[in-house]
Amino acid sequence: MMVLRRKAGDVICIGDDIRVVVQEVQAGRGIRFAIDAPAEVPVHRLEIYKIIQQENRAACDANALQWLQGGMNATCHDKE
């Protein structure tokens, strides 16, 4: 993990395609920043990411149960 001190206007680059721009630093309230990433790179807050992962696992488990019961021809990880 990298810990940085930045001020408004500073930019952090992640690889060649992702930029994090510090927009505003509010004393005692937090930091506003912008993330500039390619459309194919998902960007989520951690709490939203965890919900998405839980829903994906639940959907996969439901599909696996149907597959075991003979109701599906494809596995959960196959893409159409």
N, C-alpha and C. Protein backbone atom coordinates (compact mmCIF):
# COMPACT_ATOMS: atom_id res chain seq x y z
N MET A 1 0.84 -1.17 0.00
CA MET A 1 0.00 0.00 0.00
C MET A 1 0.89 1.23 0.00
N MET A 2 0.50 2.22 -0.76
CA MET A 2 1.23 3.48 -0.81
C MET A 2 0.39 4.54 -0.10
N VAL A 3 1.02 5.29 0.79
CA VAL A 3 0.34 6.38 1.49
C VAL A 3 0.99 7.68 1.02
N LEU A 4 0.17 8.62 0.57
CA LEU A 4 0.68 9.87 0.01
C LEU A 4 0.02 11.08 0.66
N ARG A 5 0.73 12.17 0.66
CA ARG A 5 0.14 13.47 0.99
C ARG A 5 0.07 14.25 -0.30
N ARG A 6 -1.08 14.74 -0.60
CA ARG A 6 -1.28 15.50 -1.83
C ARG A 6 -2.10 16.74 -1.51
N LYS A 7 -2.01 17.72 -2.37
CA LYS A 7 -2.83 18.91 -2.22
C LYS A 7 -3.70 19.05 -3.45
N ALA A 8 -4.68 19.94 -3.38
CA ALA A 8 -5.61 20.14 -4.49
C ALA A 8 -4.85 20.41 -5.78
N GLY A 9 -5.25 19.74 -6.84
CA GLY A 9 -4.63 19.89 -8.14
C GLY A 9 -3.57 18.85 -8.44
N ASP A 10 -3.07 18.16 -7.43
CA ASP A 10 -2.06 17.12 -7.65
C ASP A 10 -2.68 15.91 -8.34
N VAL A 11 -1.86 15.20 -9.10
CA VAL A 11 -2.32 14.04 -9.86
C VAL A 11 -1.48 12.82 -9.50
N ILE A 12 -2.14 11.68 -9.36
CA ILE A 12 -1.47 10.40 -9.13
C ILE A 12 -1.78 9.52 -10.33
N CYS A 13 -0.76 8.92 -10.93
CA CYS A 13 -0.95 8.03 -12.08
C CYS A 13 -0.84 6.58 -11.63
N ILE A 14 -1.76 5.76 -12.12
CA ILE A 14 -1.72 4.32 -11.87
C ILE A 14 -1.60 3.66 -13.23
N GLY A 15 -0.44 3.11 -13.50
CA GLY A 15 -0.18 2.57 -14.83
C GLY A 15 -0.20 3.70 -15.86
N ASP A 16 -0.47 3.33 -17.11
CA ASP A 16 -0.50 4.31 -18.19
C ASP A 16 -1.87 4.91 -18.41
N ASP A 17 -2.92 4.28 -17.86
CA ASP A 17 -4.28 4.65 -18.24
C ASP A 17 -5.14 5.26 -17.14
N ILE A 18 -4.69 5.25 -15.90
CA ILE A 18 -5.54 5.71 -14.80
C ILE A 18 -4.88 6.89 -14.10
N ARG A 19 -5.67 7.95 -13.92
CA ARG A 19 -5.19 9.15 -13.22
C ARG A 19 -6.17 9.46 -12.09
N VAL A 20 -5.63 9.77 -10.92
CA VAL A 20 -6.43 10.21 -9.78
C VAL A 20 -6.04 11.66 -9.53
N VAL A 21 -7.03 12.56 -9.59
CA VAL A 21 -6.78 13.98 -9.45
C VAL A 21 -7.41 14.47 -8.14
N VAL A 22 -6.62 15.08 -7.28
CA VAL A 22 -7.14 15.65 -6.03
C VAL A 22 -7.88 16.93 -6.40
N GLN A 23 -9.18 16.95 -6.13
CA GLN A 23 -10.01 18.11 -6.47
C GLN A 23 -10.05 19.14 -5.35
N GLU A 24 -10.24 18.64 -4.13
CA GLU A 24 -10.43 19.56 -3.00
C GLU A 24 -10.09 18.83 -1.70
N VAL A 25 -9.44 19.54 -0.80
CA VAL A 25 -9.15 19.00 0.53
C VAL A 25 -9.92 19.86 1.52
N GLN A 26 -10.86 19.25 2.24
CA GLN A 26 -11.69 19.96 3.21
C GLN A 26 -11.23 19.59 4.61
N ALA A 27 -10.73 20.56 5.34
CA ALA A 27 -10.20 20.32 6.69
C ALA A 27 -11.25 19.63 7.55
N GLY A 28 -10.90 18.47 8.07
CA GLY A 28 -11.79 17.75 8.97
C GLY A 28 -12.96 17.05 8.30
N ARG A 29 -13.14 17.22 7.01
CA ARG A 29 -14.30 16.65 6.33
C ARG A 29 -13.93 15.58 5.31
N GLY A 30 -12.79 15.69 4.68
CA GLY A 30 -12.41 14.68 3.70
C GLY A 30 -11.76 15.27 2.47
N ILE A 31 -11.63 14.44 1.48
CA ILE A 31 -10.96 14.80 0.24
C ILE A 31 -11.88 14.47 -0.92
N ARG A 32 -11.97 15.38 -1.87
CA ARG A 32 -12.69 15.11 -3.11
C ARG A 32 -11.65 14.83 -4.18
N PHE A 33 -11.85 13.75 -4.92
CA PHE A 33 -10.92 13.45 -6.00
C PHE A 33 -11.68 12.89 -7.18
N ALA A 34 -11.06 12.97 -8.34
CA ALA A 34 -11.64 12.44 -9.58
C ALA A 34 -10.76 11.31 -10.07
N ILE A 35 -11.40 10.29 -10.64
CA ILE A 35 -10.67 9.16 -11.20
C ILE A 35 -10.95 9.14 -12.70
N ASP A 36 -9.88 9.22 -13.47
CA ASP A 36 -9.97 9.18 -14.92
C ASP A 36 -9.41 7.84 -15.37
N ALA A 37 -10.31 6.95 -15.83
CA ALA A 37 -9.91 5.60 -16.22
C ALA A 37 -10.65 5.22 -17.50
N PRO A 38 -10.08 4.30 -18.28
CA PRO A 38 -10.77 3.83 -19.49
C PRO A 38 -12.13 3.23 -19.13
N ALA A 39 -13.06 3.29 -20.06
CA ALA A 39 -14.42 2.79 -19.82
C ALA A 39 -14.44 1.31 -19.45
N GLU A 40 -13.47 0.54 -19.93
CA GLU A 40 -13.48 -0.90 -19.64
C GLU A 40 -12.91 -1.24 -18.27
N VAL A 41 -12.43 -0.24 -17.54
CA VAL A 41 -11.91 -0.46 -16.18
C VAL A 41 -13.00 -0.07 -15.18
N PRO A 42 -13.57 -1.05 -14.47
CA PRO A 42 -14.60 -0.71 -13.50
C PRO A 42 -14.00 0.04 -12.30
N VAL A 43 -14.69 1.08 -11.87
CA VAL A 43 -14.26 1.87 -10.71
C VAL A 43 -15.46 1.96 -9.77
N HIS A 44 -15.31 1.41 -8.56
CA HIS A 44 -16.40 1.39 -7.59
C HIS A 44 -15.87 1.76 -6.21
N ARG A 45 -16.73 2.33 -5.39
CA ARG A 45 -16.42 2.47 -3.97
C ARG A 45 -16.38 1.06 -3.38
N LEU A 46 -15.58 0.85 -2.33
CA LEU A 46 -15.40 -0.49 -1.77
C LEU A 46 -16.73 -1.12 -1.36
N GLU A 47 -17.62 -0.36 -0.73
CA GLU A 47 -18.88 -0.95 -0.27
C GLU A 47 -19.74 -1.41 -1.45
N ILE A 48 -19.69 -0.69 -2.57
CA ILE A 48 -20.43 -1.11 -3.76
C ILE A 48 -19.77 -2.33 -4.39
N TYR A 49 -18.44 -2.33 -4.45
CA TYR A 49 -17.70 -3.48 -4.99
C TYR A 49 -18.04 -4.76 -4.23
N LYS A 50 -18.10 -4.67 -2.90
CA LYS A 50 -18.43 -5.85 -2.09
C LYS A 50 -19.83 -6.36 -2.39
N ILE A 51 -20.79 -5.45 -2.58
CA ILE A 51 -22.16 -5.86 -2.91
C ILE A 51 -22.20 -6.56 -4.27
N ILE A 52 -21.49 -6.00 -5.24
CA ILE A 52 -21.43 -6.61 -6.57
C ILE A 52 -20.85 -8.02 -6.48
N GLN A 53 -19.77 -8.19 -5.70
CA GLN A 53 -19.16 -9.51 -5.55
C GLN A 53 -20.11 -10.50 -4.90
N GLN A 54 -20.84 -10.05 -3.86
CA GLN A 54 -21.81 -10.94 -3.20
C GLN A 54 -22.90 -11.37 -4.17
N GLU A 55 -23.40 -10.42 -4.96
CA GLU A 55 -24.45 -10.75 -5.92
C GLU A 55 -23.94 -11.69 -7.00
N ASN A 56 -22.71 -11.48 -7.43
CA ASN A 56 -22.12 -12.39 -8.43
C ASN A 56 -21.97 -13.80 -7.87
N ARG A 57 -21.52 -13.90 -6.62
CA ARG A 57 -21.38 -15.23 -6.00
C ARG A 57 -22.74 -15.90 -5.85
N ALA A 58 -23.75 -15.14 -5.44
CA ALA A 58 -25.09 -15.70 -5.27
C ALA A 58 -25.64 -16.18 -6.61
N ALA A 59 -25.45 -15.38 -7.66
CA ALA A 59 -25.93 -15.78 -8.99
C ALA A 59 -25.20 -17.01 -9.47
N CYS A 60 -23.92 -17.07 -9.23
CA CYS A 60 -23.13 -18.23 -9.64
C CYS A 60 -23.59 -19.49 -8.89
N ASP A 61 -23.80 -19.35 -7.58
CA ASP A 61 -24.26 -20.48 -6.79
C ASP A 61 -25.62 -20.97 -7.28
N ALA A 62 -26.52 -20.06 -7.63
CA ALA A 62 -27.84 -20.44 -8.12
C ALA A 62 -27.71 -21.17 -9.45
N ASN A 63 -26.85 -20.67 -10.34
CA ASN A 63 -26.64 -21.33 -11.62
C ASN A 63 -26.00 -22.70 -11.44
N ALA A 64 -25.10 -22.83 -10.51
CA ALA A 64 -24.44 -24.11 -10.26
C ALA A 64 -25.46 -25.14 -9.77
N LEU A 65 -26.37 -24.70 -8.92
CA LEU A 65 -27.41 -25.61 -8.42
C LEU A 65 -28.29 -26.08 -9.58
N GLN A 66 -28.69 -25.17 -10.46
CA GLN A 66 -29.49 -25.56 -11.61
C GLN A 66 -28.71 -26.52 -12.51
N TRP A 67 -27.43 -26.25 -12.69
CA TRP A 67 -26.60 -27.11 -13.54
C TRP A 67 -26.52 -28.51 -12.95
N LEU A 68 -26.33 -28.59 -11.62
CA LEU A 68 -26.25 -29.90 -10.97
C LEU A 68 -27.57 -30.66 -11.10
N GLN A 69 -28.67 -29.92 -11.14
CA GLN A 69 -29.98 -30.56 -11.27
C GLN A 69 -30.31 -30.86 -12.73
N GLY A 70 -29.40 -30.53 -13.64
CA GLY A 70 -29.61 -30.83 -15.06
C GLY A 70 -30.37 -29.76 -15.81
N GLY A 71 -30.54 -28.61 -15.20
CA GLY A 71 -31.34 -27.55 -15.84
C GLY A 71 -30.56 -26.61 -16.73
N MET A 72 -29.23 -26.71 -16.74
CA MET A 72 -28.45 -25.80 -17.57
C MET A 72 -27.37 -26.59 -18.32
N ASN A 73 -27.03 -26.09 -19.49
CA ASN A 73 -25.99 -26.73 -20.29
C ASN A 73 -24.64 -26.06 -20.11
N ALA A 74 -24.62 -24.80 -19.65
CA ALA A 74 -23.36 -24.06 -19.52
C ALA A 74 -23.01 -23.88 -18.05
N THR A 75 -21.73 -23.63 -17.82
CA THR A 75 -21.30 -23.36 -16.46
C THR A 75 -21.45 -21.88 -16.17
N CYS A 76 -21.31 -21.53 -14.91
CA CYS A 76 -21.48 -20.15 -14.47
C CYS A 76 -20.49 -19.22 -15.14
N HIS A 77 -19.30 -19.67 -15.40
CA HIS A 77 -18.24 -18.79 -15.90
C HIS A 77 -18.19 -18.70 -17.41
N ASP A 78 -19.03 -19.48 -18.12
CA ASP A 78 -19.06 -19.39 -19.58
C ASP A 78 -19.71 -18.09 -20.00
N LYS A 79 -19.19 -17.48 -21.07
CA LYS A 79 -19.77 -16.25 -21.60
C LYS A 79 -20.45 -16.57 -22.93
N GLU A 80 -21.54 -15.89 -23.16
CA GLU A 80 -22.29 -16.13 -24.40
C GLU A 80 -21.73 -15.27 -25.51
